[in-house]
């Protein structure tokens, strides 16, 4: 007897690091997925540029401090609608992507357990230090 079965697989291209179904009964068929991708750093300064900095960046051991490398992170927010068709042993699950948005890397997603102005809402935190609140559009949530 199988305890688990795969009903859907989706390549999000980036690392999927957060997933959550909407907890509101009228919208429980919606699943949000957040992704995170570390992009290659920009080109570091050339050796000539580092040498022209002078000796004021030397450590006690005589080596220069490396300039901090700024990393870029990108991500996507996906919204899927999950539906079950049939009943009993003759059921099938369909999953359709209904929304996709390029964003900063998404660290976490949490749906509110209460509607806000009648809408299902989710809070998203990103790698740029932002917290965003997203609401399901009425035509999506129908």
N, C-alpha and C. Protein backbone atom coordinates (compact mmCIF):
# COMPACT_ATOMS: atom_id res chain seq x y z
N UNK A 1 0.84 -1.18 0.00
CA UNK A 1 0.00 0.00 0.00
C UNK A 1 0.88 1.24 0.00
N UNK A 2 0.67 2.11 -0.96
CA UNK A 2 1.48 3.33 -1.08
C UNK A 2 1.01 4.37 -0.07
N UNK A 3 1.94 5.00 0.60
CA UNK A 3 1.62 6.04 1.56
C UNK A 3 1.68 7.43 0.93
N UNK A 4 2.38 7.56 -0.17
CA UNK A 4 2.50 8.85 -0.84
C UNK A 4 2.61 8.61 -2.34
N UNK A 5 2.09 9.55 -3.10
CA UNK A 5 2.17 9.46 -4.56
C UNK A 5 2.42 10.85 -5.12
N UNK A 6 3.20 10.93 -6.17
CA UNK A 6 3.46 12.20 -6.83
C UNK A 6 2.34 12.49 -7.82
N UNK A 7 1.73 13.65 -7.68
CA UNK A 7 0.65 14.04 -8.58
C UNK A 7 1.07 15.13 -9.55
N UNK A 8 2.18 15.82 -9.25
CA UNK A 8 2.58 16.96 -10.07
C UNK A 8 4.05 17.25 -9.84
N UNK A 9 4.75 17.57 -10.91
CA UNK A 9 6.15 17.99 -10.83
C UNK A 9 6.29 19.20 -11.73
N UNK A 10 6.96 20.22 -11.24
CA UNK A 10 7.16 21.45 -12.00
C UNK A 10 8.59 21.91 -11.84
N UNK A 11 9.25 22.22 -12.92
CA UNK A 11 10.61 22.78 -12.86
C UNK A 11 10.48 24.29 -12.70
N UNK A 12 10.83 24.80 -11.53
CA UNK A 12 10.74 26.24 -11.27
C UNK A 12 11.99 26.98 -11.75
N UNK A 13 12.93 26.28 -12.32
CA UNK A 13 14.19 26.80 -12.83
C UNK A 13 15.13 27.27 -11.73
N UNK A 14 14.62 28.00 -10.75
CA UNK A 14 15.41 28.41 -9.58
C UNK A 14 15.08 27.45 -8.44
N UNK A 15 15.88 27.52 -7.38
CA UNK A 15 15.62 26.69 -6.20
C UNK A 15 14.30 27.12 -5.56
N UNK A 16 13.38 26.18 -5.44
CA UNK A 16 12.12 26.46 -4.76
C UNK A 16 12.37 26.30 -3.26
N UNK A 17 12.16 27.37 -2.50
CA UNK A 17 12.49 27.29 -1.08
C UNK A 17 11.32 27.59 -0.15
N UNK A 18 10.17 27.92 -0.72
CA UNK A 18 9.00 28.11 0.13
C UNK A 18 7.76 27.73 -0.66
N UNK A 19 6.84 27.06 0.04
CA UNK A 19 5.59 26.64 -0.59
C UNK A 19 4.52 26.60 0.49
N UNK A 20 3.35 27.11 0.16
CA UNK A 20 2.28 27.09 1.15
C UNK A 20 0.93 27.20 0.45
N UNK A 21 -0.01 26.37 0.91
CA UNK A 21 -1.39 26.45 0.44
C UNK A 21 -2.13 27.53 1.22
N UNK A 22 -3.06 28.17 0.57
CA UNK A 22 -3.91 29.15 1.23
C UNK A 22 -4.79 28.43 2.26
N UNK A 23 -4.83 28.92 3.50
CA UNK A 23 -5.61 28.23 4.53
C UNK A 23 -7.10 28.57 4.53
N UNK A 24 -7.53 29.57 3.75
CA UNK A 24 -8.94 29.94 3.74
C UNK A 24 -9.74 28.92 2.95
N UNK A 25 -10.82 28.41 3.49
CA UNK A 25 -11.58 27.34 2.82
C UNK A 25 -11.99 27.66 1.38
N UNK A 26 -12.38 28.89 1.09
CA UNK A 26 -12.80 29.24 -0.27
C UNK A 26 -11.63 29.31 -1.26
N UNK A 27 -10.41 29.40 -0.73
CA UNK A 27 -9.24 29.55 -1.60
C UNK A 27 -8.18 28.47 -1.34
N UNK A 28 -8.56 27.40 -0.66
CA UNK A 28 -7.61 26.36 -0.28
C UNK A 28 -6.99 25.65 -1.47
N UNK A 29 -7.52 25.86 -2.66
CA UNK A 29 -6.98 25.21 -3.85
C UNK A 29 -5.76 25.95 -4.40
N UNK A 30 -5.41 27.10 -3.83
CA UNK A 30 -4.27 27.88 -4.32
C UNK A 30 -3.01 27.60 -3.52
N UNK A 31 -1.92 27.38 -4.24
CA UNK A 31 -0.62 27.08 -3.66
C UNK A 31 0.37 28.12 -4.16
N UNK A 32 1.05 28.81 -3.25
CA UNK A 32 2.09 29.78 -3.61
C UNK A 32 3.45 29.11 -3.47
N UNK A 33 4.34 29.38 -4.42
CA UNK A 33 5.70 28.84 -4.40
C UNK A 33 6.66 29.99 -4.61
N UNK A 34 7.65 30.10 -3.74
CA UNK A 34 8.68 31.13 -3.87
C UNK A 34 10.01 30.50 -4.21
N UNK A 35 10.78 31.20 -5.04
CA UNK A 35 12.08 30.66 -5.45
C UNK A 35 13.19 31.65 -5.13
N UNK A 36 14.40 31.12 -5.16
CA UNK A 36 15.59 31.87 -4.78
C UNK A 36 16.73 31.41 -5.68
N UNK A 37 17.46 32.36 -6.27
CA UNK A 37 18.61 31.99 -7.09
C UNK A 37 19.73 32.99 -6.84
N UNK A 38 20.89 32.48 -6.50
CA UNK A 38 22.07 33.31 -6.32
C UNK A 38 22.72 33.48 -7.68
N UNK A 39 22.86 34.73 -8.13
CA UNK A 39 23.45 35.01 -9.43
C UNK A 39 24.96 35.16 -9.28
N UNK A 40 25.72 34.90 -10.34
CA UNK A 40 27.17 35.08 -10.26
C UNK A 40 27.50 36.53 -9.91
N UNK A 41 28.54 36.74 -9.07
CA UNK A 41 28.90 38.12 -8.70
C UNK A 41 29.42 38.89 -9.90
N UNK A 42 29.35 40.20 -9.79
CA UNK A 42 29.92 41.06 -10.83
C UNK A 42 31.43 40.83 -10.86
N UNK A 43 32.05 41.22 -11.96
CA UNK A 43 33.50 41.05 -12.10
C UNK A 43 34.23 41.75 -10.96
N UNK A 44 35.16 41.06 -10.28
CA UNK A 44 35.93 41.72 -9.22
C UNK A 44 36.89 42.74 -9.84
N UNK A 45 37.36 43.64 -9.01
CA UNK A 45 38.32 44.65 -9.48
C UNK A 45 39.57 43.94 -9.98
N UNK A 46 40.23 44.53 -10.95
CA UNK A 46 41.43 43.92 -11.52
C UNK A 46 42.57 43.97 -10.52
N UNK A 47 43.59 43.18 -10.76
CA UNK A 47 44.76 43.14 -9.88
C UNK A 47 45.44 44.50 -9.84
N UNK A 48 45.50 45.21 -10.99
CA UNK A 48 46.12 46.53 -11.02
C UNK A 48 45.39 47.50 -10.10
N UNK A 49 44.10 47.46 -10.12
CA UNK A 49 43.30 48.34 -9.27
C UNK A 49 43.58 48.04 -7.81
N UNK A 50 43.68 46.77 -7.45
CA UNK A 50 43.94 46.41 -6.07
C UNK A 50 45.33 46.87 -5.63
N UNK A 51 46.31 46.76 -6.51
CA UNK A 51 47.66 47.16 -6.16
C UNK A 51 47.77 48.67 -5.97
N UNK A 52 46.99 49.44 -6.68
CA UNK A 52 47.05 50.89 -6.58
C UNK A 52 46.34 51.44 -5.36
N UNK A 53 45.74 50.60 -4.57
CA UNK A 53 45.04 51.06 -3.38
C UNK A 53 46.01 51.55 -2.32
N UNK A 54 47.22 51.08 -2.31
CA UNK A 54 48.17 51.47 -1.27
C UNK A 54 48.25 50.43 -0.19
N UNK A 55 49.05 50.74 0.83
CA UNK A 55 49.30 49.78 1.90
C UNK A 55 48.32 49.89 3.05
N UNK A 56 47.40 50.84 3.02
CA UNK A 56 46.52 51.03 4.16
C UNK A 56 45.50 49.91 4.32
N UNK A 57 45.37 49.02 3.34
CA UNK A 57 44.45 47.90 3.46
C UNK A 57 45.14 46.61 3.88
N UNK A 58 46.44 46.69 4.19
CA UNK A 58 47.17 45.48 4.56
C UNK A 58 46.75 44.99 5.93
N UNK A 59 46.65 43.67 6.06
CA UNK A 59 46.44 43.04 7.36
C UNK A 59 47.78 42.97 8.06
N UNK A 60 47.77 42.50 9.30
CA UNK A 60 49.00 42.33 10.05
C UNK A 60 49.93 41.34 9.38
N UNK A 61 49.37 40.42 8.60
CA UNK A 61 50.20 39.41 7.94
C UNK A 61 50.71 39.88 6.58
N UNK A 62 50.46 41.15 6.22
CA UNK A 62 50.98 41.70 4.98
C UNK A 62 50.10 41.48 3.77
N UNK A 63 48.95 40.84 3.94
CA UNK A 63 48.05 40.60 2.80
C UNK A 63 46.98 41.67 2.76
N UNK A 64 46.58 42.01 1.53
CA UNK A 64 45.51 42.99 1.37
C UNK A 64 44.17 42.38 1.70
N UNK A 65 43.27 43.20 2.26
CA UNK A 65 41.90 42.76 2.48
C UNK A 65 41.20 42.63 1.14
N UNK A 66 40.45 41.58 0.97
CA UNK A 66 39.68 41.42 -0.25
C UNK A 66 38.46 42.33 -0.16
N UNK A 67 38.16 42.98 -1.27
CA UNK A 67 36.97 43.83 -1.30
C UNK A 67 35.74 42.94 -1.21
N UNK A 68 34.73 43.34 -0.42
CA UNK A 68 33.53 42.51 -0.34
C UNK A 68 32.88 42.39 -1.72
N UNK A 69 32.41 41.20 -2.00
CA UNK A 69 31.75 40.94 -3.28
C UNK A 69 30.25 41.01 -3.06
N UNK A 70 29.58 41.89 -3.77
CA UNK A 70 28.12 42.00 -3.64
C UNK A 70 27.48 40.90 -4.48
N UNK A 71 26.63 40.13 -3.85
CA UNK A 71 25.93 39.08 -4.56
C UNK A 71 24.54 39.56 -4.93
N UNK A 72 24.07 39.07 -6.03
CA UNK A 72 22.72 39.39 -6.48
C UNK A 72 21.87 38.14 -6.36
N UNK A 73 20.65 38.34 -5.88
CA UNK A 73 19.72 37.23 -5.72
C UNK A 73 18.43 37.58 -6.45
N UNK A 74 17.91 36.63 -7.16
CA UNK A 74 16.66 36.85 -7.87
C UNK A 74 15.71 35.72 -7.50
N UNK A 75 14.47 35.89 -7.85
CA UNK A 75 13.50 34.85 -7.53
C UNK A 75 12.23 35.01 -8.32
N UNK A 76 11.30 34.14 -8.05
CA UNK A 76 9.99 34.18 -8.70
C UNK A 76 8.93 33.79 -7.68
N UNK A 77 7.76 34.37 -7.88
CA UNK A 77 6.58 33.98 -7.14
C UNK A 77 5.66 33.29 -8.11
N UNK A 78 5.26 32.06 -7.78
CA UNK A 78 4.31 31.30 -8.59
C UNK A 78 3.04 31.11 -7.78
N UNK A 79 1.91 31.09 -8.48
CA UNK A 79 0.65 30.71 -7.87
C UNK A 79 0.06 29.61 -8.73
N UNK A 80 -0.24 28.49 -8.08
CA UNK A 80 -0.82 27.34 -8.77
C UNK A 80 -2.22 27.09 -8.23
N UNK A 81 -3.09 26.62 -9.10
CA UNK A 81 -4.41 26.18 -8.68
C UNK A 81 -4.43 24.66 -8.77
N UNK A 82 -4.75 24.02 -7.66
CA UNK A 82 -4.74 22.57 -7.55
C UNK A 82 -6.18 22.10 -7.45
N UNK A 83 -6.56 21.18 -8.32
CA UNK A 83 -7.94 20.68 -8.32
C UNK A 83 -7.94 19.16 -8.33
N UNK A 84 -8.90 18.60 -7.64
CA UNK A 84 -9.10 17.16 -7.62
C UNK A 84 -10.36 16.85 -8.42
N UNK A 85 -10.25 15.89 -9.31
CA UNK A 85 -11.39 15.50 -10.14
C UNK A 85 -11.71 14.04 -9.89
N UNK A 86 -12.98 13.75 -9.77
CA UNK A 86 -13.41 12.37 -9.51
C UNK A 86 -13.51 12.13 -8.02
N UNK A 87 -13.82 10.90 -7.68
CA UNK A 87 -13.93 10.53 -6.27
C UNK A 87 -13.53 9.08 -6.09
N UNK A 88 -13.28 8.71 -4.87
CA UNK A 88 -12.87 7.34 -4.57
C UNK A 88 -11.51 7.02 -5.15
N UNK A 89 -11.36 5.83 -5.69
CA UNK A 89 -10.07 5.41 -6.23
C UNK A 89 -9.83 5.94 -7.64
N UNK A 90 -10.86 6.55 -8.23
CA UNK A 90 -10.74 7.07 -9.58
C UNK A 90 -10.61 8.60 -9.57
N UNK A 91 -9.64 9.10 -8.81
CA UNK A 91 -9.44 10.55 -8.73
C UNK A 91 -8.16 10.93 -9.46
N UNK A 92 -8.16 12.15 -9.95
CA UNK A 92 -6.95 12.69 -10.55
C UNK A 92 -6.77 14.11 -10.03
N UNK A 93 -5.54 14.55 -10.01
CA UNK A 93 -5.20 15.88 -9.54
C UNK A 93 -4.65 16.66 -10.72
N UNK A 94 -5.17 17.87 -10.91
CA UNK A 94 -4.62 18.76 -11.93
C UNK A 94 -4.06 19.98 -11.24
N UNK A 95 -2.95 20.46 -11.76
CA UNK A 95 -2.29 21.64 -11.22
C UNK A 95 -2.01 22.58 -12.37
N UNK A 96 -2.50 23.80 -12.26
CA UNK A 96 -2.29 24.81 -13.30
C UNK A 96 -1.63 26.04 -12.72
N UNK A 97 -0.59 26.51 -13.41
CA UNK A 97 0.04 27.76 -13.01
C UNK A 97 -0.89 28.90 -13.44
N UNK A 98 -1.30 29.73 -12.49
CA UNK A 98 -2.21 30.84 -12.81
C UNK A 98 -1.53 32.19 -12.69
N UNK A 99 -0.30 32.23 -12.12
CA UNK A 99 0.40 33.49 -11.94
C UNK A 99 1.89 33.22 -11.80
N UNK A 100 2.69 34.15 -12.36
CA UNK A 100 4.15 34.07 -12.22
C UNK A 100 4.69 35.49 -12.25
N UNK A 101 5.54 35.82 -11.28
CA UNK A 101 6.09 37.18 -11.19
C UNK A 101 7.57 37.11 -10.83
N UNK A 102 8.40 37.79 -11.60
CA UNK A 102 9.81 37.91 -11.27
C UNK A 102 9.93 38.85 -10.06
N UNK A 103 10.76 38.48 -9.09
CA UNK A 103 10.92 39.28 -7.87
C UNK A 103 12.36 39.19 -7.40
N UNK A 104 12.62 39.84 -6.29
CA UNK A 104 13.85 39.55 -5.56
C UNK A 104 13.70 38.13 -5.02
N UNK A 105 14.80 37.54 -4.61
CA UNK A 105 14.73 36.18 -4.07
C UNK A 105 13.76 36.12 -2.91
N UNK A 106 12.90 35.12 -2.93
CA UNK A 106 11.89 34.96 -1.89
C UNK A 106 12.43 34.03 -0.81
N UNK A 107 12.42 34.52 0.42
CA UNK A 107 12.91 33.73 1.54
C UNK A 107 11.79 32.95 2.22
N UNK A 108 10.58 33.54 2.26
CA UNK A 108 9.47 32.85 2.92
C UNK A 108 8.14 33.44 2.46
N UNK A 109 7.10 32.62 2.55
CA UNK A 109 5.72 33.02 2.23
C UNK A 109 4.84 32.53 3.37
N UNK A 110 3.94 33.38 3.81
CA UNK A 110 2.94 32.97 4.80
C UNK A 110 1.60 33.56 4.41
N UNK A 111 0.58 32.71 4.30
CA UNK A 111 -0.78 33.16 4.05
C UNK A 111 -1.41 33.59 5.37
N UNK A 112 -2.23 34.61 5.31
CA UNK A 112 -3.00 35.01 6.47
C UNK A 112 -4.14 34.02 6.66
N UNK A 113 -4.46 33.73 7.90
CA UNK A 113 -5.57 32.83 8.21
C UNK A 113 -6.90 33.58 8.26
N UNK A 114 -6.84 34.89 8.00
CA UNK A 114 -8.04 35.71 7.93
C UNK A 114 -7.99 36.52 6.65
N UNK A 115 -9.14 36.75 6.05
CA UNK A 115 -9.22 37.58 4.85
C UNK A 115 -8.97 39.04 5.23
N UNK A 116 -8.39 39.78 4.32
CA UNK A 116 -8.16 41.21 4.48
C UNK A 116 -9.00 41.93 3.45
N UNK A 117 -9.99 42.69 3.91
CA UNK A 117 -10.94 43.33 3.00
C UNK A 117 -11.60 42.31 2.07
N UNK A 118 -11.82 41.13 2.57
CA UNK A 118 -12.48 40.08 1.81
C UNK A 118 -11.55 39.28 0.90
N UNK A 119 -10.28 39.64 0.86
CA UNK A 119 -9.32 38.96 -0.03
C UNK A 119 -8.41 38.02 0.75
N UNK A 120 -8.01 36.94 0.10
CA UNK A 120 -6.97 36.07 0.64
C UNK A 120 -5.64 36.78 0.39
N UNK A 121 -4.81 36.90 1.43
CA UNK A 121 -3.54 37.61 1.30
C UNK A 121 -2.39 36.76 1.82
N UNK A 122 -1.23 36.99 1.22
CA UNK A 122 -0.01 36.31 1.65
C UNK A 122 1.08 37.36 1.83
N UNK A 123 1.89 37.18 2.85
CA UNK A 123 3.06 38.03 3.07
C UNK A 123 4.29 37.30 2.56
N UNK A 124 5.17 38.07 1.92
CA UNK A 124 6.38 37.50 1.33
C UNK A 124 7.56 38.33 1.82
N UNK A 125 8.62 37.66 2.26
CA UNK A 125 9.85 38.36 2.62
C UNK A 125 10.91 38.03 1.58
N UNK A 126 11.67 39.06 1.20
CA UNK A 126 12.64 38.91 0.12
C UNK A 126 14.07 39.15 0.60
N UNK A 127 15.01 38.78 -0.24
CA UNK A 127 16.43 38.92 0.08
C UNK A 127 16.87 40.38 0.13
N UNK A 128 16.05 41.30 -0.35
CA UNK A 128 16.40 42.72 -0.29
C UNK A 128 15.89 43.37 0.99
N UNK A 129 15.33 42.56 1.90
CA UNK A 129 14.87 43.07 3.18
C UNK A 129 13.47 43.63 3.15
N UNK A 130 12.73 43.33 2.11
CA UNK A 130 11.36 43.84 2.01
C UNK A 130 10.36 42.79 2.45
N UNK A 131 9.25 43.28 3.00
CA UNK A 131 8.09 42.44 3.26
C UNK A 131 6.98 42.96 2.38
N UNK A 132 6.42 42.09 1.56
CA UNK A 132 5.37 42.47 0.63
C UNK A 132 4.10 41.71 0.99
N UNK A 133 2.95 42.37 0.84
CA UNK A 133 1.67 41.71 1.06
C UNK A 133 0.96 41.64 -0.29
N UNK A 134 0.63 40.43 -0.70
CA UNK A 134 -0.02 40.17 -1.98
C UNK A 134 -1.43 39.66 -1.73
N UNK A 135 -2.36 40.05 -2.58
CA UNK A 135 -3.75 39.57 -2.48
C UNK A 135 -4.13 38.84 -3.75
N UNK A 136 -4.98 37.82 -3.61
CA UNK A 136 -5.52 37.14 -4.78
C UNK A 136 -6.46 38.10 -5.51
N UNK A 137 -6.31 38.21 -6.81
CA UNK A 137 -7.22 39.02 -7.59
C UNK A 137 -8.58 38.33 -7.66
N UNK A 138 -9.67 39.08 -7.68
CA UNK A 138 -11.00 38.45 -7.70
C UNK A 138 -11.19 37.45 -8.84
N UNK A 139 -10.68 37.74 -10.04
CA UNK A 139 -10.89 36.81 -11.14
C UNK A 139 -10.07 35.54 -10.97
N UNK A 140 -8.96 35.60 -10.22
CA UNK A 140 -8.16 34.41 -9.94
C UNK A 140 -8.82 33.57 -8.87
N UNK A 141 -9.38 34.24 -7.87
CA UNK A 141 -9.90 33.54 -6.71
C UNK A 141 -11.29 32.96 -6.92
N UNK A 142 -11.90 33.19 -8.03
CA UNK A 142 -13.28 32.69 -8.26
C UNK A 142 -13.30 31.19 -8.39
